[in-house]
Amino acid sequence: LERKATAEDKRSGNLAIHCRDCSPCRRISPTFKETDILAKNLNQLTREIIEAATIIKLKDECVSTPSVALLDKECSFLSASI
């Protein structure tokens, strides 16, 4: 997930770019107080796999892109737990 400072920067980061380029989003700001943490894990690879599976599952509800690529079989396996 993008950091608040990055989103407010409007120059870099997926959320900042989305807010800059999306016409309806130019009139609003991300509501970080209403943001939920979907998962926590100490292992970076595990976090990236969870991130990728969640982004793939939520499709257009996400403004980010996965940090790692998952195969269709991996997505199917993980979708049961997300």
C-alpha atoms as a PDB file:
ATOM      1  CA  LEU A   1       0.000   0.000   0.000  1.00  0.00           C
ATOM      2  CA  GLU A   2       1.149   3.476  -0.761  1.00  0.00           C
ATOM      3  CA  ARG A   3       2.263   5.812   1.987  1.00  0.00           C
ATOM      4  CA  LYS A   4       0.259   8.949   2.713  1.00  0.00           C
ATOM      5  CA  ALA A   5       3.189  11.276   1.973  1.00  0.00           C
ATOM      6  CA  THR A   6       3.725   9.625  -1.416  1.00  0.00           C
ATOM      7  CA  ALA A   7       0.047   9.999  -2.307  1.00  0.00           C
ATOM      8  CA  GLU A   8       0.107  13.675  -1.400  1.00  0.00           C
ATOM      9  CA  ASP A   9       3.298  14.231  -3.422  1.00  0.00           C
ATOM     10  CA  LYS A  10       1.363  13.769  -6.724  1.00  0.00           C
ATOM     11  CA  ARG A  11       4.585  12.993  -8.628  1.00  0.00           C
ATOM     12  CA  SER A  12       5.367   9.345  -7.946  1.00  0.00           C
ATOM     13  CA  GLY A  13       3.796   6.162  -6.626  1.00  0.00           C
ATOM     14  CA  ASN A  14       0.784   4.330  -8.021  1.00  0.00           C
ATOM     15  CA  LEU A  15      -1.756   6.087  -5.812  1.00  0.00           C
ATOM     16  CA  ALA A  16      -0.323   9.544  -6.521  1.00  0.00           C
ATOM     17  CA  ILE A  17      -0.289   8.892 -10.271  1.00  0.00           C
ATOM     18  CA  HIS A  18      -3.855   7.559 -10.147  1.00  0.00           C
ATOM     19  CA  CYS A  19      -5.075  10.621  -8.236  1.00  0.00           C
ATOM     20  CA  ARG A  20      -3.303  12.896 -10.712  1.00  0.00           C
ATOM     21  CA  ASP A  21      -4.530  11.165 -13.880  1.00  0.00           C
ATOM     22  CA  CYS A  22      -8.066  10.050 -12.963  1.00  0.00           C
ATOM     23  CA  SER A  23     -10.571  12.842 -13.687  1.00  0.00           C
ATOM     24  CA  PRO A  24     -13.025  12.046 -10.847  1.00  0.00           C
ATOM     25  CA  CYS A  25     -10.143  11.523  -8.399  1.00  0.00           C
ATOM     26  CA  ARG A  26      -8.725  15.000  -8.986  1.00  0.00           C
ATOM     27  CA  ARG A  27     -11.592  16.418  -6.923  1.00  0.00           C
ATOM     28  CA  ILE A  28     -11.056  14.079  -3.965  1.00  0.00           C
ATOM     29  CA  SER A  29      -8.235  12.872  -1.759  1.00  0.00           C
ATOM     30  CA  PRO A  30      -7.527   9.366  -0.440  1.00  0.00           C
ATOM     31  CA  THR A  31      -9.178   8.742   2.926  1.00  0.00           C
ATOM     32  CA  PHE A  32      -6.394   7.127   4.915  1.00  0.00           C
ATOM     33  CA  LYS A  33      -8.443   7.168   8.123  1.00  0.00           C
ATOM     34  CA  GLU A  34     -10.885   4.778   6.433  1.00  0.00           C
ATOM     35  CA  THR A  35      -8.138   2.481   5.143  1.00  0.00           C
ATOM     36  CA  ASP A  36      -8.000  -1.097   6.380  1.00  0.00           C
ATOM     37  CA  ILE A  37      -4.853  -3.181   6.764  1.00  0.00           C
ATOM     38  CA  LEU A  38      -5.594  -6.391   4.884  1.00  0.00           C
ATOM     39  CA  ALA A  39      -2.664  -8.422   6.178  1.00  0.00           C
ATOM     40  CA  LYS A  40       0.586  -8.199   8.111  1.00  0.00           C
ATOM     41  CA  ASN A  41       3.635 -10.423   7.869  1.00  0.00           C
ATOM     42  CA  LEU A  42       7.285 -10.059   8.830  1.00  0.00           C
ATOM     43  CA  ASN A  43       8.464 -11.752   5.616  1.00  0.00           C
ATOM     44  CA  GLN A  44       8.728  -9.415   2.610  1.00  0.00           C
ATOM     45  CA  LEU A  45       8.053 -12.117   0.005  1.00  0.00           C
ATOM     46  CA  THR A  46       4.945 -13.246   1.873  1.00  0.00           C
ATOM     47  CA  ARG A  47       3.705  -9.634   2.008  1.00  0.00           C
ATOM     48  CA  GLU A  48       4.315  -9.233  -1.728  1.00  0.00           C
ATOM     49  CA  ILE A  49       2.458 -12.473  -2.524  1.00  0.00           C
ATOM     50  CA  ILE A  50      -0.502 -11.384  -0.387  1.00  0.00           C
ATOM     51  CA  GLU A  51      -0.397  -7.965  -2.067  1.00  0.00           C
ATOM     52  CA  ALA A  52      -0.350  -9.472  -5.567  1.00  0.00           C
ATOM     53  CA  ALA A  53      -3.176 -11.917  -4.862  1.00  0.00           C
ATOM     54  CA  THR A  54      -5.315  -9.167  -3.338  1.00  0.00           C
ATOM     55  CA  ILE A  55      -4.724  -6.733  -6.214  1.00  0.00           C
ATOM     56  CA  ILE A  56      -5.541  -9.439  -8.752  1.00  0.00           C
ATOM     57  CA  LYS A  57      -8.700 -10.431  -6.866  1.00  0.00           C
ATOM     58  CA  LEU A  58      -9.981  -6.862  -6.393  1.00  0.00           C
ATOM     59  CA  LYS A  59      -9.147  -5.798  -9.974  1.00  0.00           C
ATOM     60  CA  ASP A  60     -10.531  -2.306 -10.624  1.00  0.00           C
ATOM     61  CA  GLU A  61     -10.930  -1.553  -6.932  1.00  0.00           C
ATOM     62  CA  CYS A  62      -7.134  -1.237  -6.659  1.00  0.00           C
ATOM     63  CA  VAL A  63      -5.012   1.562  -8.049  1.00  0.00           C
ATOM     64  CA  SER A  64      -1.745  -0.306  -7.600  1.00  0.00           C
ATOM     65  CA  THR A  65       0.103  -3.018  -9.462  1.00  0.00           C
ATOM     66  CA  PRO A  66       1.557  -6.159  -7.882  1.00  0.00           C
ATOM     67  CA  SER A  67       5.217  -6.193  -6.896  1.00  0.00           C
ATOM     68  CA  VAL A  68       5.473  -9.858  -7.926  1.00  0.00           C
ATOM     69  CA  ALA A  69       3.815 -11.896 -10.680  1.00  0.00           C
ATOM     70  CA  LEU A  70       1.617 -14.862  -9.824  1.00  0.00           C
ATOM     71  CA  LEU A  71       0.574 -17.739 -12.057  1.00  0.00           C
ATOM     72  CA  ASP A  72      -3.139 -18.437 -12.536  1.00  0.00           C
ATOM     73  CA  LYS A  73      -2.767 -21.631 -10.461  1.00  0.00           C
ATOM     74  CA  GLU A  74      -1.193 -19.660  -7.633  1.00  0.00           C
ATOM     75  CA  CYS A  75      -3.982 -17.070  -7.763  1.00  0.00           C
ATOM     76  CA  SER A  76      -6.629 -19.794  -7.637  1.00  0.00           C
ATOM     77  CA  PHE A  77      -4.938 -21.416  -4.646  1.00  0.00           C
ATOM     78  CA  LEU A  78      -4.558 -18.116  -2.779  1.00  0.00           C
ATOM     79  CA  SER A  79      -8.028 -16.765  -3.579  1.00  0.00           C
ATOM     80  CA  ALA A  80      -9.557 -19.199  -1.103  1.00  0.00           C
ATOM     81  CA  SER A  81      -7.713 -17.505   1.758  1.00  0.00           C
ATOM     82  CA  ILE A  82      -8.134 -13.853   0.768  1.00  0.00           C
END
